[in-house]
Amino acid sequence: EYQESTEDSVLLLHDAGKCKPCLFAHTKTGCSKGDACQFCHLKHRSRAPRPSKSTRNRYKQIVAKVKETAGNTEVLQSWAKQHTYIERLLTEEIEKRTRSGR
């Protein structure tokens, strides 16, 4: 009973994209902790490589200008589709605006 409910909660977190993947689960040697591991052992899509520091700084400047000029969340969402890193930065801003009721 307990094992089944734990598996269900893991699947719910995974499906919602809120789980943290185990970095060792799908390697040649696998995860040494097995079922005791606190991280998700289900397959995840691979992440895009992190942009260089200069690219991240340029994106942050773009996001700052967009935040100044964008009056509504729809504009931010349209900009968020441009790049994964910009999406993360703008998603944080959208969540802040949603919480503050703007």
C-alpha atoms as a PDB file:
ATOM      1  CA  GLU A   1       0.000   0.000   0.000  1.00  0.00           C
ATOM      2  CA  TYR A   2       2.729   2.506   1.002  1.00  0.00           C
ATOM      3  CA  GLN A   3       4.949   1.580  -1.959  1.00  0.00           C
ATOM      4  CA  GLU A   4       2.048   2.078  -4.387  1.00  0.00           C
ATOM      5  CA  SER A   5       1.165   5.541  -3.048  1.00  0.00           C
ATOM      6  CA  THR A   6       4.844   6.564  -3.190  1.00  0.00           C
ATOM      7  CA  GLU A   7       5.050   5.454  -6.826  1.00  0.00           C
ATOM      8  CA  ASP A   8       1.862   7.372  -7.608  1.00  0.00           C
ATOM      9  CA  SER A   9       3.249  10.572  -6.058  1.00  0.00           C
ATOM     10  CA  VAL A  10       6.511  10.144  -8.000  1.00  0.00           C
ATOM     11  CA  LEU A  11       4.534   9.797 -11.242  1.00  0.00           C
ATOM     12  CA  LEU A  12       2.439  12.868 -10.428  1.00  0.00           C
ATOM     13  CA  LEU A  13       5.544  14.957  -9.753  1.00  0.00           C
ATOM     14  CA  HIS A  14       7.211  13.637 -12.909  1.00  0.00           C
ATOM     15  CA  ASP A  15       4.169  14.313 -15.096  1.00  0.00           C
ATOM     16  CA  ALA A  16       3.911  17.839 -13.686  1.00  0.00           C
ATOM     17  CA  GLY A  17       7.606  18.449 -14.412  1.00  0.00           C
ATOM     18  CA  LYS A  18       8.324  19.109 -10.736  1.00  0.00           C
ATOM     19  CA  CYS A  19      10.590  16.149 -10.013  1.00  0.00           C
ATOM     20  CA  LYS A  20      14.379  16.269  -9.885  1.00  0.00           C
ATOM     21  CA  PRO A  21      16.052  13.687 -12.136  1.00  0.00           C
ATOM     22  CA  CYS A  22      18.667  11.319 -10.767  1.00  0.00           C
ATOM     23  CA  LEU A  23      21.912  12.037 -12.592  1.00  0.00           C
ATOM     24  CA  PHE A  24      23.047   8.430 -12.253  1.00  0.00           C
ATOM     25  CA  ALA A  25      19.887   6.423 -13.017  1.00  0.00           C
ATOM     26  CA  HIS A  26      20.508   6.097 -16.749  1.00  0.00           C
ATOM     27  CA  THR A  27      24.285   5.824 -16.751  1.00  0.00           C
ATOM     28  CA  LYS A  28      26.310   2.696 -17.422  1.00  0.00           C
ATOM     29  CA  THR A  29      26.719   1.913 -13.703  1.00  0.00           C
ATOM     30  CA  GLY A  30      23.280   3.186 -12.651  1.00  0.00           C
ATOM     31  CA  CYS A  31      22.202   4.667  -9.345  1.00  0.00           C
ATOM     32  CA  SER A  32      23.801   2.977  -6.338  1.00  0.00           C
ATOM     33  CA  LYS A  33      20.912   3.992  -4.053  1.00  0.00           C
ATOM     34  CA  GLY A  34      18.228   2.229  -6.103  1.00  0.00           C
ATOM     35  CA  ASP A  35      14.751   2.520  -4.545  1.00  0.00           C
ATOM     36  CA  ALA A  36      16.188   4.541  -1.636  1.00  0.00           C
ATOM     37  CA  CYS A  37      17.211   7.342  -4.009  1.00  0.00           C
ATOM     38  CA  GLN A  38      15.321  10.588  -3.429  1.00  0.00           C
ATOM     39  CA  PHE A  39      15.557  11.599  -7.097  1.00  0.00           C
ATOM     40  CA  CYS A  40      13.396  10.573 -10.058  1.00  0.00           C
ATOM     41  CA  HIS A  41      14.539   7.526 -12.037  1.00  0.00           C
ATOM     42  CA  LEU A  42      12.087   8.024 -14.914  1.00  0.00           C
ATOM     43  CA  LYS A  43      13.373   9.199 -18.303  1.00  0.00           C
ATOM     44  CA  HIS A  44      13.581  12.979 -18.756  1.00  0.00           C
ATOM     45  CA  ARG A  45      14.134  14.923 -21.928  1.00  0.00           C
ATOM     46  CA  SER A  46      17.654  16.241 -22.174  1.00  0.00           C
ATOM     47  CA  ARG A  47      18.272  19.877 -21.429  1.00  0.00           C
ATOM     48  CA  ALA A  48      19.761  22.314 -23.880  1.00  0.00           C
ATOM     49  CA  PRO A  49      23.341  23.293 -23.070  1.00  0.00           C
ATOM     50  CA  ARG A  50      23.739  26.366 -20.887  1.00  0.00           C
ATOM     51  CA  PRO A  51      24.457  29.552 -22.863  1.00  0.00           C
ATOM     52  CA  SER A  52      27.834  31.235 -22.383  1.00  0.00           C
ATOM     53  CA  LYS A  53      28.155  33.918 -19.733  1.00  0.00           C
ATOM     54  CA  SER A  54      28.188  36.728 -22.306  1.00  0.00           C
ATOM     55  CA  THR A  55      25.042  35.318 -23.954  1.00  0.00           C
ATOM     56  CA  ARG A  56      23.296  35.007 -20.571  1.00  0.00           C
ATOM     57  CA  ASN A  57      24.196  38.617 -19.737  1.00  0.00           C
ATOM     58  CA  ARG A  58      22.902  39.782 -23.133  1.00  0.00           C
ATOM     59  CA  TYR A  59      19.649  37.873 -22.560  1.00  0.00           C
ATOM     60  CA  LYS A  60      19.287  39.410 -19.102  1.00  0.00           C
ATOM     61  CA  GLN A  61      19.624  42.877 -20.658  1.00  0.00           C
ATOM     62  CA  ILE A  62      16.971  41.997 -23.250  1.00  0.00           C
ATOM     63  CA  VAL A  63      14.659  40.690 -20.537  1.00  0.00           C
ATOM     64  CA  ALA A  64      15.176  43.856 -18.457  1.00  0.00           C
ATOM     65  CA  LYS A  65      14.181  46.036 -21.425  1.00  0.00           C
ATOM     66  CA  VAL A  66      11.171  43.822 -22.169  1.00  0.00           C
ATOM     67  CA  LYS A  67      10.069  44.007 -18.520  1.00  0.00           C
ATOM     68  CA  GLU A  68      10.280  47.823 -18.643  1.00  0.00           C
ATOM     69  CA  THR A  69       8.246  48.155 -21.817  1.00  0.00           C
ATOM     70  CA  ALA A  70       5.902  45.176 -21.587  1.00  0.00           C
ATOM     71  CA  GLY A  71       2.704  46.143 -19.849  1.00  0.00           C
ATOM     72  CA  ASN A  72       1.031  42.765 -19.991  1.00  0.00           C
ATOM     73  CA  THR A  73       1.894  39.144 -19.423  1.00  0.00           C
ATOM     74  CA  GLU A  74       0.980  38.081 -22.986  1.00  0.00           C
ATOM     75  CA  VAL A  75       3.908  40.075 -24.380  1.00  0.00           C
ATOM     76  CA  LEU A  76       6.242  38.393 -21.900  1.00  0.00           C
ATOM     77  CA  GLN A  77       4.905  34.975 -22.881  1.00  0.00           C
ATOM     78  CA  SER A  78       5.483  35.673 -26.572  1.00  0.00           C
ATOM     79  CA  TRP A  79       9.083  36.712 -25.836  1.00  0.00           C
ATOM     80  CA  ALA A  80       9.567  33.623 -23.672  1.00  0.00           C
ATOM     81  CA  LYS A  81       9.197  31.414 -26.744  1.00  0.00           C
ATOM     82  CA  GLN A  82      12.377  32.878 -28.264  1.00  0.00           C
ATOM     83  CA  HIS A  83      14.946  30.858 -26.295  1.00  0.00           C
ATOM     84  CA  THR A  84      15.055  28.439 -23.382  1.00  0.00           C
ATOM     85  CA  TYR A  85      17.133  30.736 -21.162  1.00  0.00           C
ATOM     86  CA  ILE A  86      14.960  33.764 -21.937  1.00  0.00           C
ATOM     87  CA  GLU A  87      11.930  31.576 -21.241  1.00  0.00           C
ATOM     88  CA  ARG A  88      13.216  30.761 -17.763  1.00  0.00           C
ATOM     89  CA  LEU A  89      13.930  34.410 -16.955  1.00  0.00           C
ATOM     90  CA  LEU A  90      10.573  35.601 -18.263  1.00  0.00           C
ATOM     91  CA  THR A  91       8.669  32.758 -16.614  1.00  0.00           C
ATOM     92  CA  GLU A  92      10.058  33.931 -13.276  1.00  0.00           C
ATOM     93  CA  GLU A  93       8.806  37.452 -14.048  1.00  0.00           C
ATOM     94  CA  ILE A  94       5.387  36.165 -15.145  1.00  0.00           C
ATOM     95  CA  GLU A  95       5.071  34.191 -11.890  1.00  0.00           C
ATOM     96  CA  LYS A  96       6.006  37.283  -9.858  1.00  0.00           C
ATOM     97  CA  ARG A  97       3.372  39.338 -11.677  1.00  0.00           C
ATOM     98  CA  THR A  98       0.759  36.629 -11.197  1.00  0.00           C
ATOM     99  CA  ARG A  99       1.449  36.461  -7.445  1.00  0.00           C
ATOM    100  CA  SER A 100       1.321  40.255  -7.091  1.00  0.00           C
ATOM    101  CA  GLY A 101      -1.861  40.512  -9.182  1.00  0.00           C
ATOM    102  CA  ARG A 102      -0.380  42.683 -11.978  1.00  0.00           C
END
